[in-house]
Amino acid sequence: MKIALIVVTLALIVGVGIAPAADTAEQGSFFDFETHTLLGEPLSLSAFEGKVCLVVNVASKCGLTPQYAGLEALQNELGGDDFSVLGFPSNDFQNQEPGTPEEIAEFCSKTYGVTFPMFEKMQVTGEKKSEIYQFLCADLEQPTWNFTKYLVGRDGKVLFRFAPRTEPDDDELRAKIEQALAD
């Protein structure tokens, strides 16, 4: 019993695996929220309604930052009318996203050629987490580190949470995206 508890505790700490969301029908839709682009332009997430979205809290100075390349590859392969990666910079974890919006945009563009939508920096954990992340985490664990991924279906319901170390080319992540695209 103690070993099982230790394994579960370690899994929570490092954030391994995926977790399916509970039914969020009464909670509204991800697409109901208003936010701003990285450079401050107002944007309704309804612009992505009907798409499957992979929502990721990103950071430029993290050991997982190279995942930007895989996220961009995923966007290039699947992006368009049916799918989009959405990046939400956050400085919640050891100040690993300290830059201004302009610095973040330049880093993402020059270093990883990021073309997927990037949004304003926001809190993704704790009592002051943004309304968007309150919605994403309503039935799932909040991000435990940078690059936690939430899969949102075409209807705006949160389908799954993927751990930070789950790479964008992970077979299970890809299978869940393809399943959501087929629905």
Protein backbone atom coordinates (compact mmCIF):
# COMPACT_ATOMS: atom_id res chain seq x y z
CA MET A 1 0.00 0.00 0.00
CA LYS A 2 2.81 2.41 0.88
CA ILE A 3 4.50 1.73 -2.47
CA ALA A 4 1.30 2.50 -4.38
CA LEU A 5 0.88 5.74 -2.45
CA ILE A 6 4.48 6.72 -3.20
CA VAL A 7 4.01 5.96 -6.91
CA VAL A 8 0.81 8.04 -7.06
CA THR A 9 2.49 10.89 -5.16
CA LEU A 10 5.49 10.85 -7.52
CA ALA A 11 3.18 10.79 -10.53
CA LEU A 12 1.40 13.89 -9.24
CA ILE A 13 4.66 15.70 -8.55
CA VAL A 14 6.20 15.08 -11.98
CA GLY A 15 2.84 15.19 -13.73
CA VAL A 16 3.04 12.00 -15.75
CA GLY A 17 0.33 10.60 -17.95
CA ILE A 18 -2.97 11.94 -19.13
CA ALA A 19 -6.26 12.41 -17.42
CA PRO A 20 -9.68 12.53 -19.04
CA ALA A 21 -11.96 15.38 -18.06
CA ALA A 22 -15.26 14.85 -16.31
CA ASP A 23 -18.43 16.00 -18.03
CA THR A 24 -18.24 19.81 -18.18
CA ALA A 25 -21.59 20.39 -19.89
CA GLU A 26 -22.87 22.75 -17.18
CA GLN A 27 -19.67 24.81 -17.20
CA GLY A 28 -20.01 26.44 -20.59
CA SER A 29 -17.43 26.42 -23.34
CA PHE A 30 -13.77 27.29 -23.72
CA PHE A 31 -14.89 29.38 -26.67
CA ASP A 32 -16.97 31.67 -24.41
CA PHE A 33 -13.87 33.49 -23.11
CA GLU A 34 -12.42 36.81 -24.18
CA THR A 35 -8.67 37.41 -23.95
CA HIS A 36 -5.86 39.27 -25.72
CA THR A 37 -3.25 38.19 -28.20
CA LEU A 38 0.35 38.26 -27.06
CA LEU A 39 0.71 41.77 -28.43
CA GLY A 40 -2.44 43.07 -26.71
CA GLU A 41 -5.15 42.83 -29.35
CA PRO A 42 -8.55 41.79 -27.92
CA LEU A 43 -9.65 38.37 -29.14
CA SER A 44 -12.62 36.16 -28.44
CA LEU A 45 -11.79 32.48 -28.25
CA SER A 46 -14.99 32.00 -30.27
CA ALA A 47 -12.66 32.57 -33.25
CA PHE A 48 -11.55 28.95 -32.67
CA GLU A 49 -15.03 27.48 -32.22
CA GLY A 50 -15.43 24.28 -34.20
CA LYS A 51 -11.71 23.50 -33.99
CA VAL A 52 -9.95 21.01 -31.78
CA CYS A 53 -7.44 23.00 -29.72
CA LEU A 54 -4.35 21.99 -27.80
CA VAL A 55 -3.96 24.65 -25.09
CA VAL A 56 -0.44 24.88 -23.65
CA ASN A 57 1.07 27.06 -20.92
CA VAL A 58 4.45 27.96 -22.39
CA ALA A 59 7.69 29.50 -21.14
CA SER A 60 10.88 30.63 -22.88
CA LYS A 61 13.43 29.77 -20.19
CA CYS A 62 12.40 26.25 -19.19
CA GLY A 63 14.07 22.90 -19.75
CA LEU A 64 10.92 21.96 -21.69
CA THR A 65 11.08 25.02 -23.97
CA PRO A 66 12.30 22.89 -26.93
CA GLN A 67 8.73 21.53 -27.04
CA TYR A 68 7.95 24.70 -29.01
CA ALA A 69 9.48 22.93 -32.04
CA GLY A 70 7.15 19.95 -31.65
CA LEU A 71 4.13 22.17 -31.07
CA GLU A 72 4.95 24.11 -34.23
CA ALA A 73 5.35 20.84 -36.16
CA LEU A 74 1.94 19.74 -34.88
CA GLN A 75 0.46 23.08 -35.95
CA ASN A 76 2.05 22.80 -39.40
CA GLU A 77 0.76 19.27 -39.87
CA LEU A 78 -2.76 19.55 -38.46
CA GLY A 79 -3.44 23.29 -38.24
CA GLY A 80 -6.06 24.91 -40.39
CA ASP A 81 -9.84 24.69 -40.30
CA ASP A 82 -9.94 21.77 -37.85
CA PHE A 83 -7.07 22.17 -35.33
CA SER A 84 -4.89 24.73 -33.60
CA VAL A 85 -2.23 24.84 -30.92
CA LEU A 86 -2.85 27.81 -28.58
CA GLY A 87 0.07 29.10 -26.50
CA PHE A 88 -0.49 30.88 -23.19
CA PRO A 89 2.77 32.19 -21.70
CA SER A 90 3.01 31.98 -17.93
CA ASN A 91 5.60 33.05 -15.42
CA ASP A 92 4.14 30.85 -12.65
CA PHE A 93 6.97 28.33 -12.45
CA GLN A 94 10.28 29.71 -11.19
CA ASN A 95 9.95 32.89 -13.28
CA GLN A 96 10.72 31.03 -16.50
CA GLU A 97 8.75 33.47 -18.66
CA PRO A 98 10.02 36.88 -17.50
CA GLY A 99 9.92 38.60 -20.90
CA THR A 100 7.70 41.34 -22.20
CA PRO A 101 5.16 40.39 -24.85
CA GLU A 102 7.50 41.73 -27.53
CA GLU A 103 10.44 39.71 -26.18
CA ILE A 104 8.34 36.54 -26.01
CA ALA A 105 7.08 37.05 -29.58
CA GLU A 106 10.60 37.65 -30.89
CA PHE A 107 12.01 34.62 -29.06
CA CYS A 108 9.25 32.31 -30.32
CA SER A 109 9.51 33.57 -33.88
CA LYS A 110 13.30 33.62 -34.21
CA THR A 111 14.12 30.51 -32.18
CA TYR A 112 11.27 28.14 -33.10
CA GLY A 113 9.44 29.79 -36.01
CA VAL A 114 6.20 29.74 -34.02
CA THR A 115 3.14 30.53 -36.13
CA PHE A 116 0.41 29.18 -33.84
CA PRO A 117 -1.61 31.76 -31.89
CA MET A 118 0.05 33.11 -28.75
CA PHE A 119 -1.88 34.94 -26.07
CA GLU A 120 -1.22 37.35 -23.24
CA LYS A 121 0.84 36.14 -20.32
CA MET A 122 -1.42 34.85 -17.56
CA GLN A 123 -1.48 33.01 -14.28
CA VAL A 124 -2.32 29.35 -14.72
CA THR A 125 -2.11 28.18 -11.09
CA GLY A 126 -3.15 29.22 -7.63
CA GLU A 127 -5.90 31.44 -6.35
CA LYS A 128 -5.26 34.15 -8.96
CA LYS A 129 -5.27 31.88 -12.02
CA SER A 130 -7.04 33.31 -15.04
CA GLU A 131 -10.67 32.51 -15.81
CA ILE A 132 -9.48 30.53 -18.83
CA TYR A 133 -7.36 28.27 -16.65
CA GLN A 134 -10.10 28.07 -14.01
CA PHE A 135 -12.26 26.61 -16.77
CA LEU A 136 -9.55 24.27 -18.09
CA CYS A 137 -8.82 23.00 -14.56
CA ALA A 138 -12.41 22.75 -13.34
CA ASP A 139 -12.35 18.95 -13.51
CA LEU A 140 -8.65 18.36 -14.06
CA GLU A 141 -5.44 19.10 -12.23
CA GLN A 142 -4.03 22.57 -12.75
CA PRO A 143 -0.63 22.80 -14.47
CA THR A 144 2.19 21.36 -12.40
CA TRP A 145 4.82 22.92 -14.65
CA ASN A 146 5.27 24.70 -17.96
CA PHE A 147 4.01 22.91 -21.07
CA THR A 148 1.01 21.23 -19.46
CA LYS A 149 -1.42 20.55 -22.29
CA TYR A 150 -5.23 20.57 -22.36
CA LEU A 151 -7.11 19.12 -25.32
CA VAL A 152 -10.34 21.01 -26.06
CA GLY A 153 -12.95 19.52 -28.39
CA ARG A 154 -14.79 21.27 -31.18
CA ASP A 155 -17.64 21.99 -28.74
CA GLY A 156 -15.36 23.83 -26.30
CA LYS A 157 -15.37 21.06 -23.70
CA VAL A 158 -12.06 20.02 -22.12
CA LEU A 159 -11.30 16.44 -23.10
CA PHE A 160 -7.90 15.60 -21.58
CA ARG A 161 -4.95 16.95 -19.64
CA PHE A 162 -1.44 15.91 -20.66
CA ALA A 163 1.55 16.20 -18.37
CA PRO A 164 4.30 18.75 -19.05
CA ARG A 165 6.81 16.11 -20.16
CA THR A 166 4.37 14.67 -22.71
CA GLU A 167 6.03 15.61 -25.98
CA PRO A 168 3.90 17.00 -28.83
CA ASP A 169 4.71 13.91 -30.93
CA ASP A 170 3.69 11.47 -28.16
CA ASP A 171 1.65 8.58 -29.59
CA GLU A 172 -1.11 8.84 -26.99
CA LEU A 173 -1.44 12.61 -27.36
CA ARG A 174 -1.60 12.23 -31.14
CA ALA A 175 -4.22 9.49 -30.84
CA LYS A 176 -6.41 11.70 -28.61
CA ILE A 177 -6.10 14.61 -31.04
CA GLU A 178 -7.01 12.37 -33.99
CA GLN A 179 -9.95 10.94 -32.04
CA ALA A 180 -11.21 14.47 -31.27
CA LEU A 181 -10.80 15.45 -34.93
CA ALA A 182 -12.83 12.41 -36.00
CA ASP A 183 -15.71 13.23 -33.61
